[in-house]
Amino acid sequence: MQILPQLWDDRHSMMKLVEQYAGIGDLESRGESIPRVGYRIARYQGFIEQSGLPVPGVHRIEGTLDTAANLEPLIGQSLTLRMEDGRALAITIADTSGRVLAEGHGPSRCLCC
């Protein structure tokens, strides 16, 4: 999986892979759902290089979706992926191949807070 360039210029932090998810879930947008979407997601956390401490709110989610549904109308929209284990993840589809991306933290991103 390709890691896209960081969107900030902080030479004292780095990104580390902290979780990977794979399974079948539902993709939701504006009250509509695409069921049985395969997903492979990697979550990277920002860390301060010198201390190794995590940087709150600095993370990146990358991955792919596998579905027969037409994803083109959903490119760039805020979507929710409901994963097999019940967690919800805010994602954005980057292209028609199903590549997904999300950055940041909070109610509009990770849905955990």
C-alpha atoms as a PDB file:
ATOM      1  CA  MET A   1       0.000   0.000   0.000  1.00  0.00           C
ATOM      2  CA  GLN A   2       1.364   3.427  -0.915  1.00  0.00           C
ATOM      3  CA  ILE A   3       1.624   6.028   1.831  1.00  0.00           C
ATOM      4  CA  LEU A   4       0.711   9.440   0.475  1.00  0.00           C
ATOM      5  CA  PRO A   5       2.870  12.448   1.388  1.00  0.00           C
ATOM      6  CA  GLN A   6       2.120  14.149   4.680  1.00  0.00           C
ATOM      7  CA  LEU A   7       0.069  17.308   4.372  1.00  0.00           C
ATOM      8  CA  TRP A   8       2.087  19.197   6.957  1.00  0.00           C
ATOM      9  CA  ASP A   9       5.748  20.166   7.132  1.00  0.00           C
ATOM     10  CA  ASP A  10       6.875  19.010  10.573  1.00  0.00           C
ATOM     11  CA  ARG A  11      10.327  17.497  10.394  1.00  0.00           C
ATOM     12  CA  HIS A  12      10.159  16.393  14.045  1.00  0.00           C
ATOM     13  CA  SER A  13       7.207  14.007  13.750  1.00  0.00           C
ATOM     14  CA  MET A  14       6.672  10.739  11.918  1.00  0.00           C
ATOM     15  CA  MET A  15       3.816   8.391  11.103  1.00  0.00           C
ATOM     16  CA  LYS A  16       3.679   4.790  12.349  1.00  0.00           C
ATOM     17  CA  LEU A  17       1.266   2.031  11.413  1.00  0.00           C
ATOM     18  CA  VAL A  18      -0.796   1.324  14.556  1.00  0.00           C
ATOM     19  CA  GLU A  19      -3.821  -0.690  13.321  1.00  0.00           C
ATOM     20  CA  GLN A  20      -5.051  -2.620  10.314  1.00  0.00           C
ATOM     21  CA  TYR A  21      -8.647  -3.581   9.614  1.00  0.00           C
ATOM     22  CA  ALA A  22     -10.056  -5.969   7.013  1.00  0.00           C
ATOM     23  CA  GLY A  23     -13.518  -7.375   6.557  1.00  0.00           C
ATOM     24  CA  ILE A  24     -16.980  -6.785   5.145  1.00  0.00           C
ATOM     25  CA  GLY A  25     -18.985  -3.754   6.197  1.00  0.00           C
ATOM     26  CA  ASP A  26     -21.563  -1.225   5.066  1.00  0.00           C
ATOM     27  CA  LEU A  27     -20.822   2.113   3.428  1.00  0.00           C
ATOM     28  CA  GLU A  28     -23.222   4.899   4.404  1.00  0.00           C
ATOM     29  CA  SER A  29     -23.871   8.277   2.808  1.00  0.00           C
ATOM     30  CA  ARG A  30     -26.737  10.685   3.472  1.00  0.00           C
ATOM     31  CA  GLY A  31     -29.017   8.014   4.921  1.00  0.00           C
ATOM     32  CA  GLU A  32     -28.375   5.502   2.131  1.00  0.00           C
ATOM     33  CA  SER A  33     -26.283   2.373   2.503  1.00  0.00           C
ATOM     34  CA  ILE A  34     -24.185   0.171   0.235  1.00  0.00           C
ATOM     35  CA  PRO A  35     -24.122  -3.222   1.975  1.00  0.00           C
ATOM     36  CA  ARG A  36     -21.419  -5.897   1.902  1.00  0.00           C
ATOM     37  CA  VAL A  37     -18.436  -3.705   1.028  1.00  0.00           C
ATOM     38  CA  GLY A  38     -15.045  -5.340   1.429  1.00  0.00           C
ATOM     39  CA  TYR A  39     -12.431  -3.148   3.108  1.00  0.00           C
ATOM     40  CA  ARG A  40      -8.736  -3.149   3.947  1.00  0.00           C
ATOM     41  CA  ILE A  41      -7.785  -0.165   6.076  1.00  0.00           C
ATOM     42  CA  ALA A  42      -4.514   0.929   7.715  1.00  0.00           C
ATOM     43  CA  ARG A  43      -4.394   3.578  10.454  1.00  0.00           C
ATOM     44  CA  TYR A  44      -1.198   5.565  10.964  1.00  0.00           C
ATOM     45  CA  GLN A  45      -0.545   7.660  14.077  1.00  0.00           C
ATOM     46  CA  GLY A  46       1.711  10.700  14.247  1.00  0.00           C
ATOM     47  CA  PHE A  47       4.557  10.439  16.744  1.00  0.00           C
ATOM     48  CA  ILE A  48       7.211  12.894  17.892  1.00  0.00           C
ATOM     49  CA  GLU A  49      10.482  11.486  16.632  1.00  0.00           C
ATOM     50  CA  GLN A  50      12.666  12.494  19.587  1.00  0.00           C
ATOM     51  CA  SER A  51      10.387  11.231  22.365  1.00  0.00           C
ATOM     52  CA  GLY A  52       8.293   8.591  20.612  1.00  0.00           C
ATOM     53  CA  LEU A  53       5.116  10.064  22.117  1.00  0.00           C
ATOM     54  CA  PRO A  54       1.926  10.104  20.007  1.00  0.00           C
ATOM     55  CA  VAL A  55       0.673  13.445  18.708  1.00  0.00           C
ATOM     56  CA  PRO A  56      -3.039  13.732  19.580  1.00  0.00           C
ATOM     57  CA  GLY A  57      -5.210  14.338  16.539  1.00  0.00           C
ATOM     58  CA  VAL A  58      -2.507  13.531  14.005  1.00  0.00           C
ATOM     59  CA  HIS A  59      -3.439  10.371  12.179  1.00  0.00           C
ATOM     60  CA  ARG A  60      -4.046   9.149   8.669  1.00  0.00           C
ATOM     61  CA  ILE A  61      -6.340   6.397   7.422  1.00  0.00           C
ATOM     62  CA  GLU A  62      -5.601   4.752   4.068  1.00  0.00           C
ATOM     63  CA  GLY A  63      -7.008   1.726   2.365  1.00  0.00           C
ATOM     64  CA  THR A  64      -9.255   0.259  -0.288  1.00  0.00           C
ATOM     65  CA  LEU A  65     -12.886  -0.724  -0.712  1.00  0.00           C
ATOM     66  CA  ASP A  66     -14.079  -3.627  -2.830  1.00  0.00           C
ATOM     67  CA  THR A  67     -17.630  -3.407  -4.139  1.00  0.00           C
ATOM     68  CA  ALA A  68     -19.556  -3.854  -7.389  1.00  0.00           C
ATOM     69  CA  ALA A  69     -21.322  -0.530  -6.701  1.00  0.00           C
ATOM     70  CA  ASN A  70     -20.442   2.540  -8.775  1.00  0.00           C
ATOM     71  CA  LEU A  71     -18.210   4.629  -6.500  1.00  0.00           C
ATOM     72  CA  GLU A  72     -17.723   7.550  -8.882  1.00  0.00           C
ATOM     73  CA  PRO A  73     -20.628   9.653  -7.485  1.00  0.00           C
ATOM     74  CA  LEU A  74     -19.183   9.202  -3.972  1.00  0.00           C
ATOM     75  CA  ILE A  75     -15.653  10.468  -4.707  1.00  0.00           C
ATOM     76  CA  GLY A  76     -14.767  13.308  -2.328  1.00  0.00           C
ATOM     77  CA  GLN A  77     -17.894  12.951  -0.176  1.00  0.00           C
ATOM     78  CA  SER A  78     -17.864  12.377   3.573  1.00  0.00           C
ATOM     79  CA  LEU A  79     -18.858   8.732   4.099  1.00  0.00           C
ATOM     80  CA  THR A  80     -19.139   6.358   7.028  1.00  0.00           C
ATOM     81  CA  LEU A  81     -17.775   2.831   6.890  1.00  0.00           C
ATOM     82  CA  ARG A  82     -19.533   0.570   9.410  1.00  0.00           C
ATOM     83  CA  MET A  83     -17.033  -2.189  10.046  1.00  0.00           C
ATOM     84  CA  GLU A  84     -17.721  -5.823  10.994  1.00  0.00           C
ATOM     85  CA  ASP A  85     -16.864  -5.213  14.638  1.00  0.00           C
ATOM     86  CA  GLY A  86     -19.436  -2.398  14.917  1.00  0.00           C
ATOM     87  CA  ARG A  87     -17.023   0.526  14.820  1.00  0.00           C
ATOM     88  CA  ALA A  88     -17.705   3.424  12.448  1.00  0.00           C
ATOM     89  CA  LEU A  89     -14.997   5.179  10.497  1.00  0.00           C
ATOM     90  CA  ALA A  90     -15.374   8.460   8.588  1.00  0.00           C
ATOM     91  CA  ILE A  91     -13.682   8.096   5.200  1.00  0.00           C
ATOM     92  CA  THR A  92     -13.446   9.765   1.823  1.00  0.00           C
ATOM     93  CA  ILE A  93     -13.180   7.845  -1.446  1.00  0.00           C
ATOM     94  CA  ALA A  94     -10.273   9.212  -3.474  1.00  0.00           C
ATOM     95  CA  ASP A  95     -10.855   7.507  -6.841  1.00  0.00           C
ATOM     96  CA  THR A  96     -12.982   4.991  -8.766  1.00  0.00           C
ATOM     97  CA  SER A  97     -10.693   2.097  -7.796  1.00  0.00           C
ATOM     98  CA  GLY A  98     -11.997   2.381  -4.214  1.00  0.00           C
ATOM     99  CA  ARG A  99      -8.956   3.994  -2.598  1.00  0.00           C
ATOM    100  CA  VAL A 100      -9.937   5.684   0.676  1.00  0.00           C
ATOM    101  CA  LEU A 101      -8.309   8.375   2.763  1.00  0.00           C
ATOM    102  CA  ALA A 102      -9.060  10.253   5.986  1.00  0.00           C
ATOM    103  CA  GLU A 103      -6.947  12.517   8.158  1.00  0.00           C
ATOM    104  CA  GLY A 104      -7.434  14.155  11.522  1.00  0.00           C
ATOM    105  CA  HIS A 105      -9.548  13.358  14.544  1.00  0.00           C
ATOM    106  CA  GLY A 106     -12.885  14.341  16.039  1.00  0.00           C
ATOM    107  CA  PRO A 107     -16.615  14.075  15.400  1.00  0.00           C
ATOM    108  CA  SER A 108     -16.291  14.719  11.666  1.00  0.00           C
ATOM    109  CA  ARG A 109     -13.530  12.119  11.229  1.00  0.00           C
ATOM    110  CA  CYS A 110     -13.182   9.090  13.477  1.00  0.00           C
ATOM    111  CA  LEU A 111     -16.669   9.139  15.086  1.00  0.00           C
ATOM    112  CA  CYS A 112     -15.143   7.922  18.368  1.00  0.00           C
ATOM    113  CA  CYS A 113     -15.685  11.210  20.192  1.00  0.00           C
END
